[in-house]
Amino acid sequence: FLRRKPLQQLPGHPLRKTQCPAGYHKGCRLVHGQPNSLIKSLEEKYGASGYLELEEKIRRGDVPEHPTWEDVILWEELSRHTEALQGLVRRLEAGEAVAS
């Protein structure tokens, strides 16, 4: 019976903690890449902290409906996928098996 190491401990694995820049969450290569930079740019563009706040700005007439609704949809999807990736990273770091 051999005990397997958690994936992030394998040399060269993208979740290897030593590959993440200081200050980043473990597994940063999966959860701190392009999606979060897009979210950051949407936050700056609209002065909103999340897609729900941006929806409210549209309803109040603070921002134009078009193309803002497309950005709301994008932001919501990016947030949902980022949360899912963070959940997978936590499970992998804990050494749990993750189904494909």
PDB file of N, CA and C in Angstrom:
ATOM      1  N   PHE A   1       0.846  -1.190   0.000  1.00  0.00           N
ATOM      2  CA  PHE A   1       0.000   0.000   0.000  1.00  0.00           C
ATOM      3  C   PHE A   1       0.880   1.238   0.000  1.00  0.00           C
ATOM      4  N   LEU A   2       0.782   2.028  -1.050  1.00  0.00           N
ATOM      5  CA  LEU A   2       1.553   3.267  -1.148  1.00  0.00           C
ATOM      6  C   LEU A   2       0.639   4.449  -0.909  1.00  0.00           C
ATOM      7  N   ARG A   3       1.112   5.387  -0.119  1.00  0.00           N
ATOM      8  CA  ARG A   3       0.344   6.604   0.130  1.00  0.00           C
ATOM      9  C   ARG A   3       0.732   7.629  -0.927  1.00  0.00           C
ATOM     10  N   ARG A   4      -0.279   8.166  -1.607  1.00  0.00           N
ATOM     11  CA  ARG A   4      -0.006   9.160  -2.641  1.00  0.00           C
ATOM     12  C   ARG A   4       0.152  10.537  -2.019  1.00  0.00           C
ATOM     13  N   LYS A   5       1.032  11.328  -2.604  1.00  0.00           N
ATOM     14  CA  LYS A   5       1.193  12.722  -2.179  1.00  0.00           C
ATOM     15  C   LYS A   5       0.077  13.541  -2.793  1.00  0.00           C
ATOM     16  N   PRO A   6      -0.356  14.604  -2.099  1.00  0.00           N
ATOM     17  CA  PRO A   6      -1.291  15.525  -2.745  1.00  0.00           C
ATOM     18  C   PRO A   6      -0.662  16.073  -4.023  1.00  0.00           C
ATOM     19  N   LEU A   7      -1.475  16.323  -5.023  1.00  0.00           N
ATOM     20  CA  LEU A   7      -0.964  16.751  -6.326  1.00  0.00           C
ATOM     21  C   LEU A   7      -0.072  17.981  -6.257  1.00  0.00           C
ATOM     22  N   GLN A   8      -0.423  18.945  -5.402  1.00  0.00           N
ATOM     23  CA  GLN A   8       0.349  20.185  -5.379  1.00  0.00           C
ATOM     24  C   GLN A   8       1.773  19.986  -4.874  1.00  0.00           C
ATOM     25  N   GLN A   9       2.084  18.804  -4.311  1.00  0.00           N
ATOM     26  CA  GLN A   9       3.432  18.536  -3.850  1.00  0.00           C
ATOM     27  C   GLN A   9       4.313  17.937  -4.935  1.00  0.00           C
ATOM     28  N   LEU A  10       3.748  17.560  -6.060  1.00  0.00           N
ATOM     29  CA  LEU A  10       4.533  16.977  -7.138  1.00  0.00           C
ATOM     30  C   LEU A  10       5.330  18.073  -7.843  1.00  0.00           C
ATOM     31  N   PRO A  11       6.603  17.828  -8.145  1.00  0.00           N
ATOM     32  CA  PRO A  11       7.418  18.835  -8.817  1.00  0.00           C
ATOM     33  C   PRO A  11       6.795  19.268 -10.142  1.00  0.00           C
ATOM     34  N   GLY A  12       6.752  20.571 -10.382  1.00  0.00           N
ATOM     35  CA  GLY A  12       6.256  21.098 -11.640  1.00  0.00           C
ATOM     36  C   GLY A  12       4.751  21.174 -11.753  1.00  0.00           C
ATOM     37  N   HIS A  13       4.017  20.708 -10.744  1.00  0.00           N
ATOM     38  CA  HIS A  13       2.550  20.762 -10.821  1.00  0.00           C
ATOM     39  C   HIS A  13       2.101  22.209 -10.679  1.00  0.00           C
ATOM     40  N   PRO A  14       1.082  22.629 -11.464  1.00  0.00           N
ATOM     41  CA  PRO A  14       0.663  24.033 -11.416  1.00  0.00           C
ATOM     42  C   PRO A  14       0.131  24.478 -10.061  1.00  0.00           C
ATOM     43  N   LEU A  15      -0.215  23.548  -9.178  1.00  0.00           N
ATOM     44  CA  LEU A  15      -0.687  23.930  -7.852  1.00  0.00           C
ATOM     45  C   LEU A  15       0.431  23.938  -6.817  1.00  0.00           C
ATOM     46  N   ARG A  16       1.634  23.639  -7.248  1.00  0.00           N
ATOM     47  CA  ARG A  16       2.751  23.623  -6.314  1.00  0.00           C
ATOM     48  C   ARG A  16       2.880  25.000  -5.675  1.00  0.00           C
ATOM     49  N   LYS A  17       2.789  25.034  -4.369  1.00  0.00           N
ATOM     50  CA  LYS A  17       2.719  26.299  -3.632  1.00  0.00           C
ATOM     51  C   LYS A  17       3.912  27.207  -3.901  1.00  0.00           C
ATOM     52  N   THR A  18       5.089  26.634  -4.120  1.00  0.00           N
ATOM     53  CA  THR A  18       6.279  27.448  -4.301  1.00  0.00           C
ATOM     54  C   THR A  18       6.266  28.197  -5.627  1.00  0.00           C
ATOM     55  N   GLN A  19       5.365  27.871  -6.543  1.00  0.00           N
ATOM     56  CA  GLN A  19       5.324  28.551  -7.833  1.00  0.00           C
ATOM     57  C   GLN A  19       4.446  29.792  -7.805  1.00  0.00           C
ATOM     58  N   CYS A  20       3.713  30.020  -6.731  1.00  0.00           N
ATOM     59  CA  CYS A  20       2.812  31.166  -6.653  1.00  0.00           C
ATOM     60  C   CYS A  20       3.552  32.380  -6.131  1.00  0.00           C
ATOM     61  N   PRO A  21       3.332  33.550  -6.738  1.00  0.00           N
ATOM     62  CA  PRO A  21       3.961  34.763  -6.223  1.00  0.00           C
ATOM     63  C   PRO A  21       3.493  35.034  -4.792  1.00  0.00           C
ATOM     64  N   ALA A  22       4.334  35.715  -4.034  1.00  0.00           N
ATOM     65  CA  ALA A  22       3.986  36.046  -2.650  1.00  0.00           C
ATOM     66  C   ALA A  22       2.675  36.814  -2.604  1.00  0.00           C
ATOM     67  N   GLY A  23       1.847  36.500  -1.633  1.00  0.00           N
ATOM     68  CA  GLY A  23       0.588  37.200  -1.455  1.00  0.00           C
ATOM     69  C   GLY A  23      -0.577  36.605  -2.212  1.00  0.00           C
ATOM     70  N   TYR A  24      -0.335  35.622  -3.051  1.00  0.00           N
ATOM     71  CA  TYR A  24      -1.420  35.013  -3.810  1.00  0.00           C
ATOM     72  C   TYR A  24      -1.942  33.785  -3.100  1.00  0.00           C
ATOM     73  N   HIS A  25      -3.219  33.476  -3.323  1.00  0.00           N
ATOM     74  CA  HIS A  25      -3.858  32.283  -2.774  1.00  0.00           C
ATOM     75  C   HIS A  25      -3.161  31.059  -3.331  1.00  0.00           C
ATOM     76  N   LYS A  26      -3.130  30.002  -2.554  1.00  0.00           N
ATOM     77  CA  LYS A  26      -2.571  28.737  -3.044  1.00  0.00           C
ATOM     78  C   LYS A  26      -3.309  28.339  -4.312  1.00  0.00           C
ATOM     79  N   GLY A  27      -2.598  27.825  -5.266  1.00  0.00           N
ATOM     80  CA  GLY A  27      -3.231  27.433  -6.518  1.00  0.00           C
ATOM     81  C   GLY A  27      -3.502  28.622  -7.413  1.00  0.00           C
ATOM     82  N   CYS A  28      -2.719  29.664  -7.247  1.00  0.00           N
ATOM     83  CA  CYS A  28      -2.990  30.918  -7.942  1.00  0.00           C
ATOM     84  C   CYS A  28      -2.984  30.782  -9.455  1.00  0.00           C
ATOM     85  N   ARG A  29      -2.261  29.847  -9.981  1.00  0.00           N
ATOM     86  CA  ARG A  29      -2.206  29.731 -11.438  1.00  0.00           C
ATOM     87  C   ARG A  29      -3.570  29.403 -12.024  1.00  0.00           C
ATOM     88  N   LEU A  30      -4.433  28.764 -11.250  1.00  0.00           N
ATOM     89  CA  LEU A  30      -5.764  28.450 -11.746  1.00  0.00           C
ATOM     90  C   LEU A  30      -6.780  29.531 -11.428  1.00  0.00           C
ATOM     91  N   VAL A  31      -6.645  30.210 -10.309  1.00  0.00           N
ATOM     92  CA  VAL A  31      -7.706  31.115  -9.875  1.00  0.00           C
ATOM     93  C   VAL A  31      -7.322  32.584  -9.883  1.00  0.00           C
ATOM     94  N   HIS A  32      -6.070  32.903 -10.161  1.00  0.00           N
ATOM     95  CA  HIS A  32      -5.667  34.302 -10.163  1.00  0.00           C
ATOM     96  C   HIS A  32      -5.109  34.732 -11.515  1.00  0.00           C
ATOM     97  N   GLY A  33      -5.629  34.159 -12.576  1.00  0.00           N
ATOM     98  CA  GLY A  33      -5.145  34.484 -13.901  1.00  0.00           C
ATOM     99  C   GLY A  33      -6.064  35.453 -14.602  1.00  0.00           C
ATOM    100  N   GLN A  34      -6.270  35.228 -15.866  1.00  0.00           N
ATOM    101  CA  GLN A  34      -7.045  36.122 -16.710  1.00  0.00           C
ATOM    102  C   GLN A  34      -8.455  36.414 -16.199  1.00  0.00           C
ATOM    103  N   PRO A  35      -9.233  35.421 -15.719  1.00  0.00           N
ATOM    104  CA  PRO A  35     -10.580  35.762 -15.249  1.00  0.00           C
ATOM    105  C   PRO A  35     -10.588  36.860 -14.205  1.00  0.00           C
ATOM    106  N   ASN A  36      -9.667  36.797 -13.230  1.00  0.00           N
ATOM    107  CA  ASN A  36      -9.657  37.815 -12.198  1.00  0.00           C
ATOM    108  C   ASN A  36      -9.175  39.159 -12.713  1.00  0.00           C
ATOM    109  N   SER A  37      -8.300  39.185 -13.704  1.00  0.00           N
ATOM    110  CA  SER A  37      -7.888  40.473 -14.271  1.00  0.00           C
ATOM    111  C   SER A  37      -9.048  41.091 -15.037  1.00  0.00           C
ATOM    112  N   LEU A  38      -9.873  40.264 -15.667  1.00  0.00           N
ATOM    113  CA  LEU A  38     -11.067  40.795 -16.340  1.00  0.00           C
ATOM    114  C   LEU A  38     -12.068  41.336 -15.328  1.00  0.00           C
ATOM    115  N   ILE A  39     -12.257  40.622 -14.234  1.00  0.00           N
ATOM    116  CA  ILE A  39     -13.155  41.099 -13.181  1.00  0.00           C
ATOM    117  C   ILE A  39     -12.645  42.427 -12.637  1.00  0.00           C
ATOM    118  N   LYS A  40     -11.357  42.524 -12.399  1.00  0.00           N
ATOM    119  CA  LYS A  40     -10.759  43.771 -11.894  1.00  0.00           C
ATOM    120  C   LYS A  40     -11.018  44.915 -12.864  1.00  0.00           C
ATOM    121  N   SER A  41     -10.879  44.665 -14.162  1.00  0.00           N
ATOM    122  CA  SER A  41     -11.107  45.732 -15.141  1.00  0.00           C
ATOM    123  C   SER A  41     -12.576  46.145 -15.167  1.00  0.00           C
ATOM    124  N   LEU A  42     -13.506  45.193 -14.963  1.00  0.00           N
ATOM    125  CA  LEU A  42     -14.933  45.534 -14.899  1.00  0.00           C
ATOM    126  C   LEU A  42     -15.234  46.341 -13.639  1.00  0.00           C
ATOM    127  N   GLU A  43     -14.606  45.982 -12.522  1.00  0.00           N
ATOM    128  CA  GLU A  43     -14.778  46.753 -11.283  1.00  0.00           C
ATOM    129  C   GLU A  43     -14.358  48.202 -11.501  1.00  0.00           C
ATOM    130  N   GLU A  44     -13.205  48.385 -12.143  1.00  0.00           N
ATOM    131  CA  GLU A  44     -12.690  49.733 -12.391  1.00  0.00           C
ATOM    132  C   GLU A  44     -13.551  50.482 -13.408  1.00  0.00           C
ATOM    133  N   LYS A  45     -13.966  49.807 -14.447  1.00  0.00           N
ATOM    134  CA  LYS A  45     -14.753  50.435 -15.515  1.00  0.00           C
ATOM    135  C   LYS A  45     -16.077  50.997 -15.006  1.00  0.00           C
ATOM    136  N   TYR A  46     -16.760  50.213 -14.126  1.00  0.00           N
ATOM    137  CA  TYR A  46     -18.099  50.595 -13.675  1.00  0.00           C
ATOM    138  C   TYR A  46     -18.154  51.094 -12.235  1.00  0.00           C
ATOM    139  N   GLY A  47     -17.051  51.033 -11.520  1.00  0.00           N
ATOM    140  CA  GLY A  47     -17.066  51.446 -10.125  1.00  0.00           C
ATOM    141  C   GLY A  47     -18.005  50.591  -9.290  1.00  0.00           C
ATOM    142  N   ALA A  48     -18.055  49.308  -9.588  1.00  0.00           N
ATOM    143  CA  ALA A  48     -18.933  48.368  -8.887  1.00  0.00           C
ATOM    144  C   ALA A  48     -18.087  47.254  -8.280  1.00  0.00           C
ATOM    145  N   SER A  49     -18.561  46.714  -7.169  1.00  0.00           N
ATOM    146  CA  SER A  49     -17.807  45.661  -6.500  1.00  0.00           C
ATOM    147  C   SER A  49     -18.227  44.259  -6.937  1.00  0.00           C
ATOM    148  N   GLY A  50     -19.286  44.164  -7.737  1.00  0.00           N
ATOM    149  CA  GLY A  50     -19.737  42.870  -8.213  1.00  0.00           C
ATOM    150  C   GLY A  50     -20.807  43.026  -9.270  1.00  0.00           C
ATOM    151  N   TYR A  51     -21.135  41.917  -9.925  1.00  0.00           N
ATOM    152  CA  TYR A  51     -22.112  41.989 -11.016  1.00  0.00           C
ATOM    153  C   TYR A  51     -23.505  42.341 -10.527  1.00  0.00           C
ATOM    154  N   LEU A  52     -23.835  41.986  -9.284  1.00  0.00           N
ATOM    155  CA  LEU A  52     -25.153  42.343  -8.756  1.00  0.00           C
ATOM    156  C   LEU A  52     -25.274  43.855  -8.557  1.00  0.00           C
ATOM    157  N   GLU A  53     -24.198  44.474  -8.105  1.00  0.00           N
ATOM    158  CA  GLU A  53     -24.196  45.931  -7.960  1.00  0.00           C
ATOM    159  C   GLU A  53     -24.299  46.601  -9.325  1.00  0.00           C
ATOM    160  N   LEU A  54     -23.646  46.023 -10.316  1.00  0.00           N
ATOM    161  CA  LEU A  54     -23.726  46.576 -11.663  1.00  0.00           C
ATOM    162  C   LEU A  54     -25.141  46.439 -12.217  1.00  0.00           C
ATOM    163  N   GLU A  55     -25.807  45.320 -11.959  1.00  0.00           N
ATOM    164  CA  GLU A  55     -27.208  45.166 -12.365  1.00  0.00           C
ATOM    165  C   GLU A  55     -28.069  46.276 -11.764  1.00  0.00           C
ATOM    166  N   GLU A  56     -27.820  46.553 -10.505  1.00  0.00           N
ATOM    167  CA  GLU A  56     -28.589  47.609  -9.828  1.00  0.00           C
ATOM    168  C   GLU A  56     -28.321  48.973 -10.466  1.00  0.00           C
ATOM    169  N   LYS A  57     -27.098  49.232 -10.857  1.00  0.00           N
ATOM    170  CA  LYS A  57     -26.770  50.496 -11.529  1.00  0.00           C
ATOM    171  C   LYS A  57     -27.523  50.614 -12.850  1.00  0.00           C
ATOM    172  N   ILE A  58     -27.681  49.508 -13.549  1.00  0.00           N
ATOM    173  CA  ILE A  58     -28.445  49.517 -14.802  1.00  0.00           C
ATOM    174  C   ILE A  58     -29.903  49.842 -14.499  1.00  0.00           C
ATOM    175  N   ARG A  59     -30.458  49.177 -13.501  1.00  0.00           N
ATOM    176  CA  ARG A  59     -31.873  49.400 -13.147  1.00  0.00           C
ATOM    177  C   ARG A  59     -32.155  50.844 -12.746  1.00  0.00           C
ATOM    178  N   ARG A  60     -31.183  51.452 -12.035  1.00  0.00           N
ATOM    179  CA  ARG A  60     -31.352  52.849 -11.607  1.00  0.00           C
ATOM    180  C   ARG A  60     -31.087  53.837 -12.745  1.00  0.00           C
ATOM    181  N   GLY A  61     -30.537  53.356 -13.839  1.00  0.00           N
ATOM    182  CA  GLY A  61     -30.213  54.236 -14.961  1.00  0.00           C
ATOM    183  C   GLY A  61     -28.880  54.939 -14.812  1.00  0.00           C
ATOM    184  N   ASP A  62     -28.033  54.460 -13.901  1.00  0.00           N
ATOM    185  CA  ASP A  62     -26.714  55.061 -13.684  1.00  0.00           C
ATOM    186  C   ASP A  62     -25.733  54.762 -14.821  1.00  0.00           C
ATOM    187  N   VAL A  63     -25.966  53.645 -15.519  1.00  0.00           N
ATOM    188  CA  VAL A  63     -25.124  53.252 -16.652  1.00  0.00           C
ATOM    189  C   VAL A  63     -26.049  52.805 -17.787  1.00  0.00           C
ATOM    190  N   PRO A  64     -25.598  52.926 -19.025  1.00  0.00           N
ATOM    191  CA  PRO A  64     -26.451  52.511 -20.145  1.00  0.00           C
ATOM    192  C   PRO A  64     -26.654  50.995 -20.158  1.00  0.00           C
ATOM    193  N   GLU A  65     -27.846  50.580 -20.615  1.00  0.00           N
ATOM    194  CA  GLU A  65     -28.145  49.143 -20.667  1.00  0.00           C
ATOM    195  C   GLU A  65     -27.225  48.405 -21.628  1.00  0.00           C
ATOM    196  N   HIS A  66     -26.959  49.031 -22.763  1.00  0.00           N
ATOM    197  CA  HIS A  66     -26.106  48.389 -23.766  1.00  0.00           C
ATOM    198  C   HIS A  66     -24.799  49.156 -23.859  1.00  0.00           C
ATOM    199  N   PRO A  67     -23.677  48.541 -23.743  1.00  0.00           N
ATOM    200  CA  PRO A  67     -23.360  47.106 -23.681  1.00  0.00           C
ATOM    201  C   PRO A  67     -23.194  46.574 -22.252  1.00  0.00           C
ATOM    202  N   THR A  68     -23.668  47.306 -21.263  1.00  0.00           N
ATOM    203  CA  THR A  68     -23.432  46.921 -19.873  1.00  0.00           C
ATOM    204  C   THR A  68     -24.014  45.559 -19.529  1.00  0.00           C
ATOM    205  N   TRP A  69     -25.190  45.206 -20.094  1.00  0.00           N
ATOM    206  CA  TRP A  69     -25.764  43.895 -19.784  1.00  0.00           C
ATOM    207  C   TRP A  69     -24.835  42.770 -20.209  1.00  0.00           C
ATOM    208  N   GLU A  70     -24.153  42.951 -21.331  1.00  0.00           N
ATOM    209  CA  GLU A  70     -23.205  41.920 -21.768  1.00  0.00           C
ATOM    210  C   GLU A  70     -22.079  41.771 -20.754  1.00  0.00           C
ATOM    211  N   ASP A  71     -21.642  42.901 -20.186  1.00  0.00           N
ATOM    212  CA  ASP A  71     -20.593  42.846 -19.166  1.00  0.00           C
ATOM    213  C   ASP A  71     -21.101  42.202 -17.878  1.00  0.00           C
ATOM    214  N   VAL A  72     -22.370  42.424 -17.523  1.00  0.00           N
ATOM    215  CA  VAL A  72     -22.954  41.763 -16.353  1.00  0.00           C
ATOM    216  C   VAL A  72     -22.921  40.246 -16.544  1.00  0.00           C
ATOM    217  N   ILE A  73     -23.330  39.800 -17.714  1.00  0.00           N
ATOM    218  CA  ILE A  73     -23.352  38.358 -18.007  1.00  0.00           C
ATOM    219  C   ILE A  73     -21.937  37.778 -17.940  1.00  0.00           C
ATOM    220  N   LEU A  74     -20.988  38.478 -18.561  1.00  0.00           N
ATOM    221  CA  LEU A  74     -19.594  38.033 -18.528  1.00  0.00           C
ATOM    222  C   LEU A  74     -19.086  37.958 -17.091  1.00  0.00           C
ATOM    223  N   TRP A  75     -19.341  39.009 -16.322  1.00  0.00           N
ATOM    224  CA  TRP A  75     -18.872  39.090 -14.936  1.00  0.00           C
ATOM    225  C   TRP A  75     -19.461  37.963 -14.097  1.00  0.00           C
ATOM    226  N   GLU A  76     -20.748  37.704 -14.274  1.00  0.00           N
ATOM    227  CA  GLU A  76     -21.401  36.637 -13.518  1.00  0.00           C
ATOM    228  C   GLU A  76     -20.780  35.279 -13.851  1.00  0.00           C
ATOM    229  N   GLU A  77     -20.562  35.017 -15.132  1.00  0.00           N
ATOM    230  CA  GLU A  77     -19.956  33.740 -15.547  1.00  0.00           C
ATOM    231  C   GLU A  77     -18.526  33.612 -15.032  1.00  0.00           C
ATOM    232  N   LEU A  78     -17.746  34.681 -15.128  1.00  0.00           N
ATOM    233  CA  LEU A  78     -16.370  34.647 -14.617  1.00  0.00           C
ATOM    234  C   LEU A  78     -16.364  34.377 -13.118  1.00  0.00           C
ATOM    235  N   SER A  79     -17.275  35.017 -12.394  1.00  0.00           N
ATOM    236  CA  SER A  79     -17.356  34.812 -10.943  1.00  0.00           C
ATOM    237  C   SER A  79     -17.713  33.369 -10.619  1.00  0.00           C
ATOM    238  N   ARG A  80     -18.681  32.842 -11.332  1.00  0.00           N
ATOM    239  CA  ARG A  80     -19.119  31.465 -11.101  1.00  0.00           C
ATOM    240  C   ARG A  80     -17.986  30.471 -11.385  1.00  0.00           C
ATOM    241  N   HIS A  81     -17.289  30.662 -12.495  1.00  0.00           N
ATOM    242  CA  HIS A  81     -16.192  29.757 -12.845  1.00  0.00           C
ATOM    243  C   HIS A  81     -15.030  29.891 -11.869  1.00  0.00           C
ATOM    244  N   THR A  82     -14.735  31.111 -11.441  1.00  0.00           N
ATOM    245  CA  THR A  82     -13.654  31.324 -10.481  1.00  0.00           C
ATOM    246  C   THR A  82     -13.968  30.628  -9.164  1.00  0.00           C
ATOM    247  N   GLU A  83     -15.214  30.737  -8.687  1.00  0.00           N
ATOM    248  CA  GLU A  83     -15.613  30.046  -7.454  1.00  0.00           C
ATOM    249  C   GLU A  83     -15.473  28.537  -7.610  1.00  0.00           C
ATOM    250  N   ALA A  84     -15.867  28.009  -8.752  1.00  0.00           N
ATOM    251  CA  ALA A  84     -15.747  26.570  -8.987  1.00  0.00           C
ATOM    252  C   ALA A  84     -14.283  26.137  -8.986  1.00  0.00           C
ATOM    253  N   LEU A  85     -13.422  26.923  -9.631  1.00  0.00           N
ATOM    254  CA  LEU A  85     -11.994  26.606  -9.646  1.00  0.00           C
ATOM    255  C   LEU A  85     -11.390  26.675  -8.251  1.00  0.00           C
ATOM    256  N   GLN A  86     -11.793  27.672  -7.478  1.00  0.00           N
ATOM    257  CA  GLN A  86     -11.279  27.775  -6.110  1.00  0.00           C
ATOM    258  C   GLN A  86     -11.698  26.563  -5.284  1.00  0.00           C
ATOM    259  N   GLY A  87     -12.920  26.088  -5.479  1.00  0.00           N
ATOM    260  CA  GLY A  87     -13.379  24.888  -4.789  1.00  0.00           C
ATOM    261  C   GLY A  87     -12.559  23.671  -5.171  1.00  0.00           C
ATOM    262  N   LEU A  88     -12.260  23.536  -6.459  1.00  0.00           N
ATOM    263  CA  LEU A  88     -11.428  22.418  -6.911  1.00  0.00           C
ATOM    264  C   LEU A  88     -10.019  22.506  -6.338  1.00  0.00           C
ATOM    265  N   VAL A  89      -9.467  23.706  -6.311  1.00  0.00           N
ATOM    266  CA  VAL A  89      -8.124  23.891  -5.753  1.00  0.00           C
ATOM    267  C   VAL A  89      -8.106  23.484  -4.286  1.00  0.00           C
ATOM    268  N   ARG A  90      -9.122  23.912  -3.522  1.00  0.00           N
ATOM    269  CA  ARG A  90      -9.178  23.529  -2.099  1.00  0.00           C
ATOM    270  C   ARG A  90      -9.227  22.009  -1.947  1.00  0.00           C
ATOM    271  N   ARG A  91     -10.030  21.349  -2.792  1.00  0.00           N
ATOM    272  CA  ARG A  91     -10.136  19.887  -2.711  1.00  0.00           C
ATOM    273  C   ARG A  91      -8.816  19.225  -3.084  1.00  0.00           C
ATOM    274  N   LEU A  92      -8.155  19.724  -4.114  1.00  0.00           N
ATOM    275  CA  LEU A  92      -6.869  19.149  -4.526  1.00  0.00           C
ATOM    276  C   LEU A  92      -5.811  19.364  -3.444  1.00  0.00           C
ATOM    277  N   GLU A  93      -5.804  20.551  -2.854  1.00  0.00           N
ATOM    278  CA  GLU A  93      -4.824  20.833  -1.790  1.00  0.00           C
ATOM    279  C   GLU A  93      -5.041  19.930  -0.577  1.00  0.00           C
ATOM    280  N   ALA A  94      -6.280  19.547  -0.365  1.00  0.00           N
ATOM    281  CA  ALA A  94      -6.600  18.643   0.745  1.00  0.00           C
ATOM    282  C   ALA A  94      -6.286  17.192   0.399  1.00  0.00           C
ATOM    283  N   GLY A  95      -5.866  16.947  -0.837  1.00  0.00           N
ATOM    284  CA  GLY A  95      -5.527  15.591  -1.261  1.00  0.00           C
ATOM    285  C   GLY A  95      -6.718  14.770  -1.711  1.00  0.00           C
ATOM    286  N   GLU A  96      -7.861  15.426  -1.906  1.00  0.00           N
ATOM    287  CA  GLU A  96      -9.050  14.710  -2.343  1.00  0.00           C
ATOM    288  C   GLU A  96      -8.978  14.423  -3.831  1.00  0.00           C
ATOM    289  N   ALA A  97      -9.600  13.337  -4.232  1.00  0.00           N
ATOM    290  CA  ALA A  97      -9.713  13.020  -5.646  1.00  0.00           C
ATOM    291  C   ALA A  97     -10.814  13.903  -6.243  1.00  0.00           C
ATOM    292  N   VAL A  98     -10.584  14.378  -7.442  1.00  0.00           N
ATOM    293  CA  VAL A  98     -11.555  15.226  -8.121  1.00  0.00           C
ATOM    294  C   VAL A  98     -11.900  14.560  -9.443  1.00  0.00           C
ATOM    295  N   ALA A  99     -13.175  14.338  -9.667  1.00  0.00           N
ATOM    296  CA  ALA A  99     -13.629  13.720 -10.918  1.00  0.00           C
ATOM    297  C   ALA A  99     -13.491  14.701 -12.062  1.00  0.00           C
ATOM    298  N   SER A 100     -13.216  14.184 -13.226  1.00  0.00           N
ATOM    299  CA  SER A 100     -13.073  15.063 -14.401  1.00  0.00           C
ATOM    300  C   SER A 100     -14.401  15.355 -15.031  1.00  0.00           C
TER     301      SER A 100
END
